[in-house]
Amino acid sequence: MLIVKTELGHRVMKDRSVALTPRQRAAFILFDGKRTLDQVMNATKPVGVTKEDVDKLFELGLVEDATTEQGAAQEAAEKAQAEAVEHHKHRTPQERYAEAYPIATALTAQLGLRGFRLNLAVEAASNFEELQAVAPKIKDAVGPEKFRALDKALNDH
């Protein structure tokens, strides 16, 4: 188990606003997120640090288990990603149009003069359905690889 100082722990480290015994302070200093609990216990054994000393640091909120914090952060990130994917699948036509239009104009602008008419058709598309009607022509002009971003913006995948 990797132990790190909490935000409160970092403040206490600087201002010494919480009275710690010399043994608690010795262990507290070594909790940096790089050493395991066992490593800190072994390193502080000569000065007599006990499990109770470490438990007191947890109780005071000065340290925490870094693996728990990392796991919670990863879980939150995965949940946010799943929600974003789900939202992407259930976008309204207006949301799809708003996402797809800038992609379509960028793709057709890259075509130069040969894409001038296509660019005009994209600019004339004022809603999702009209832009979706122009999409196959864009795919033909730019190829399937470059078209993927527009396809993703227009459709549910």
Protein backbone atom coordinates (compact mmCIF):
# COMPACT_ATOMS: atom_id res chain seq x y z
CA MET A 1 0.00 0.00 0.00
CA LEU A 2 1.40 3.39 -1.04
CA ILE A 3 0.73 6.23 1.37
CA VAL A 4 0.69 9.92 0.42
CA LYS A 5 0.24 13.12 2.34
CA THR A 6 -3.17 14.75 1.98
CA GLU A 7 -3.60 18.45 1.24
CA LEU A 8 -4.02 18.98 4.98
CA GLY A 9 -0.90 16.89 5.54
CA HIS A 10 1.16 19.13 3.26
CA ARG A 11 -0.06 22.21 5.15
CA VAL A 12 0.73 20.63 8.51
CA MET A 13 4.17 19.69 7.20
CA LYS A 14 4.89 23.37 6.55
CA ASP A 15 3.18 25.13 9.44
CA ARG A 16 3.40 22.38 12.10
CA SER A 17 -0.13 23.25 13.22
CA VAL A 18 -0.76 19.69 14.44
CA ALA A 19 1.45 18.41 17.22
CA LEU A 20 3.05 15.12 16.24
CA THR A 21 5.28 12.93 18.32
CA PRO A 22 8.84 12.53 16.99
CA ARG A 23 7.97 8.97 15.89
CA GLN A 24 4.83 10.10 14.05
CA ARG A 25 6.76 12.91 12.38
CA ALA A 26 9.51 10.52 11.27
CA ALA A 27 6.96 8.29 9.51
CA PHE A 28 4.96 11.27 8.22
CA ILE A 29 8.00 12.72 6.46
CA LEU A 30 8.63 9.46 4.59
CA PHE A 31 5.09 9.09 3.21
CA ASP A 32 5.66 10.41 -0.29
CA GLY A 33 3.64 8.03 -2.49
CA LYS A 34 6.81 6.25 -3.58
CA ARG A 35 7.38 4.10 -0.52
CA THR A 36 5.06 1.38 0.67
CA LEU A 37 3.79 1.23 4.21
CA ASP A 38 6.14 -1.69 4.89
CA GLN A 39 9.14 0.26 3.58
CA VAL A 40 8.34 3.22 5.84
CA MET A 41 7.79 0.93 8.82
CA ASN A 42 11.15 -0.76 8.19
CA ALA A 43 12.95 2.56 7.72
CA THR A 44 11.54 3.99 10.96
CA LYS A 45 11.90 0.84 13.05
CA PRO A 46 15.14 2.11 14.68
CA VAL A 47 13.28 5.13 16.12
CA GLY A 48 10.40 2.97 17.36
CA VAL A 49 7.55 3.86 14.98
CA THR A 50 4.55 1.60 15.57
CA LYS A 51 1.41 0.77 13.61
CA GLU A 52 -0.49 2.96 16.11
CA ASP A 53 1.66 5.95 15.13
CA VAL A 54 0.73 5.46 11.48
CA ASP A 55 -2.93 4.86 12.36
CA LYS A 56 -2.95 8.23 14.16
CA LEU A 57 -1.70 9.96 10.96
CA PHE A 58 -4.61 8.41 9.06
CA GLU A 59 -7.04 9.36 11.83
CA LEU A 60 -5.86 12.99 11.72
CA GLY A 61 -6.37 13.03 7.95
CA LEU A 62 -2.73 13.80 7.26
CA VAL A 63 -2.11 10.78 5.02
CA GLU A 64 -4.18 8.51 2.81
CA ASP A 65 -3.85 5.35 0.77
CA ALA A 66 -2.71 6.47 -2.70
CA THR A 67 -4.01 3.33 -4.36
CA THR A 68 -7.53 4.08 -3.13
CA GLU A 69 -7.32 7.65 -4.46
CA GLN A 70 -5.97 6.47 -7.83
CA GLY A 71 -8.68 3.81 -8.06
CA ALA A 72 -11.39 6.36 -7.32
CA ALA A 73 -9.98 8.77 -9.90
CA GLN A 74 -9.81 6.04 -12.53
CA GLU A 75 -13.36 4.92 -11.73
CA ALA A 76 -14.62 8.51 -12.06
CA ALA A 77 -12.82 8.92 -15.39
CA GLU A 78 -14.29 5.68 -16.73
CA LYS A 79 -17.79 6.74 -15.63
CA ALA A 80 -17.41 10.15 -17.29
CA GLN A 81 -16.23 8.50 -20.51
CA ALA A 82 -19.17 6.07 -20.48
CA GLU A 83 -21.58 8.97 -19.95
CA ALA A 84 -19.98 10.89 -22.82
CA VAL A 85 -20.31 7.88 -25.13
CA GLU A 86 -23.93 7.41 -24.10
CA HIS A 87 -24.66 11.11 -24.65
CA HIS A 88 -22.98 10.93 -28.07
CA LYS A 89 -25.36 8.12 -29.05
CA HIS A 90 -28.44 10.11 -28.04
CA ARG A 91 -27.61 13.51 -29.49
CA THR A 92 -30.34 15.52 -31.14
CA PRO A 93 -30.07 16.29 -34.84
CA GLN A 94 -29.20 19.89 -33.91
CA GLU A 95 -26.31 18.69 -31.72
CA ARG A 96 -25.08 16.42 -34.50
CA TYR A 97 -25.24 19.27 -36.99
CA ALA A 98 -23.38 21.61 -34.63
CA GLU A 99 -20.61 19.04 -34.20
CA ALA A 100 -20.44 17.96 -37.85
CA TYR A 101 -20.64 21.31 -39.65
CA PRO A 102 -17.15 22.60 -38.70
CA ILE A 103 -15.66 19.24 -39.62
CA ALA A 104 -17.40 19.27 -43.00
CA THR A 105 -16.26 22.82 -43.79
CA ALA A 106 -12.69 21.99 -42.81
CA LEU A 107 -12.66 18.89 -45.00
CA THR A 108 -14.04 20.68 -48.05
CA ALA A 109 -11.79 23.69 -47.53
CA GLN A 110 -8.77 21.37 -47.79
CA LEU A 111 -9.84 20.42 -51.31
CA GLY A 112 -9.01 23.83 -52.70
CA LEU A 113 -10.59 24.86 -56.00
CA ARG A 114 -11.70 21.34 -56.86
CA GLY A 115 -13.84 21.32 -53.72
CA PHE A 116 -15.30 24.78 -54.23
CA ARG A 117 -18.80 23.57 -55.21
CA LEU A 118 -18.80 21.03 -52.41
CA ASN A 119 -17.78 23.72 -49.96
CA LEU A 120 -20.69 25.86 -51.15
CA ALA A 121 -23.05 22.90 -50.68
CA VAL A 122 -21.79 22.44 -47.10
CA GLU A 123 -22.21 26.14 -46.35
CA ALA A 124 -25.74 26.01 -47.77
CA ALA A 125 -26.66 23.09 -45.49
CA SER A 126 -28.58 24.75 -42.69
CA ASN A 127 -29.63 21.65 -40.74
CA PHE A 128 -28.66 18.07 -39.98
CA GLU A 129 -30.63 16.47 -42.81
CA GLU A 130 -29.15 18.76 -45.46
CA LEU A 131 -25.62 18.20 -44.19
CA GLN A 132 -26.19 14.46 -44.08
CA ALA A 133 -27.33 14.59 -47.72
CA VAL A 134 -24.01 16.22 -48.72
CA ALA A 135 -21.93 13.77 -46.65
CA PRO A 136 -21.57 11.03 -49.33
CA LYS A 137 -20.11 13.57 -51.76
CA ILE A 138 -17.62 14.67 -49.09
CA LYS A 139 -16.64 11.04 -48.49
CA ASP A 140 -16.05 10.54 -52.23
CA ALA A 141 -13.91 13.68 -52.38
CA VAL A 142 -11.75 13.19 -49.28
CA GLY A 143 -11.72 9.40 -48.92
CA PRO A 144 -12.94 7.13 -46.12
CA GLU A 145 -10.00 7.79 -43.78
CA LYS A 146 -10.48 11.57 -43.57
CA PHE A 147 -14.26 11.14 -43.64
CA ARG A 148 -14.33 9.12 -40.37
CA ALA A 149 -14.49 12.18 -38.11
CA LEU A 150 -17.45 13.59 -40.01
CA ASP A 151 -19.16 10.21 -40.08
CA LYS A 152 -18.74 9.90 -36.31
CA ALA A 153 -20.14 13.38 -35.77
CA LEU A 154 -23.16 12.71 -37.97
CA ASN A 155 -24.00 9.22 -36.82
CA ASP A 156 -24.41 7.22 -33.62
CA HIS A 157 -21.07 5.44 -33.51
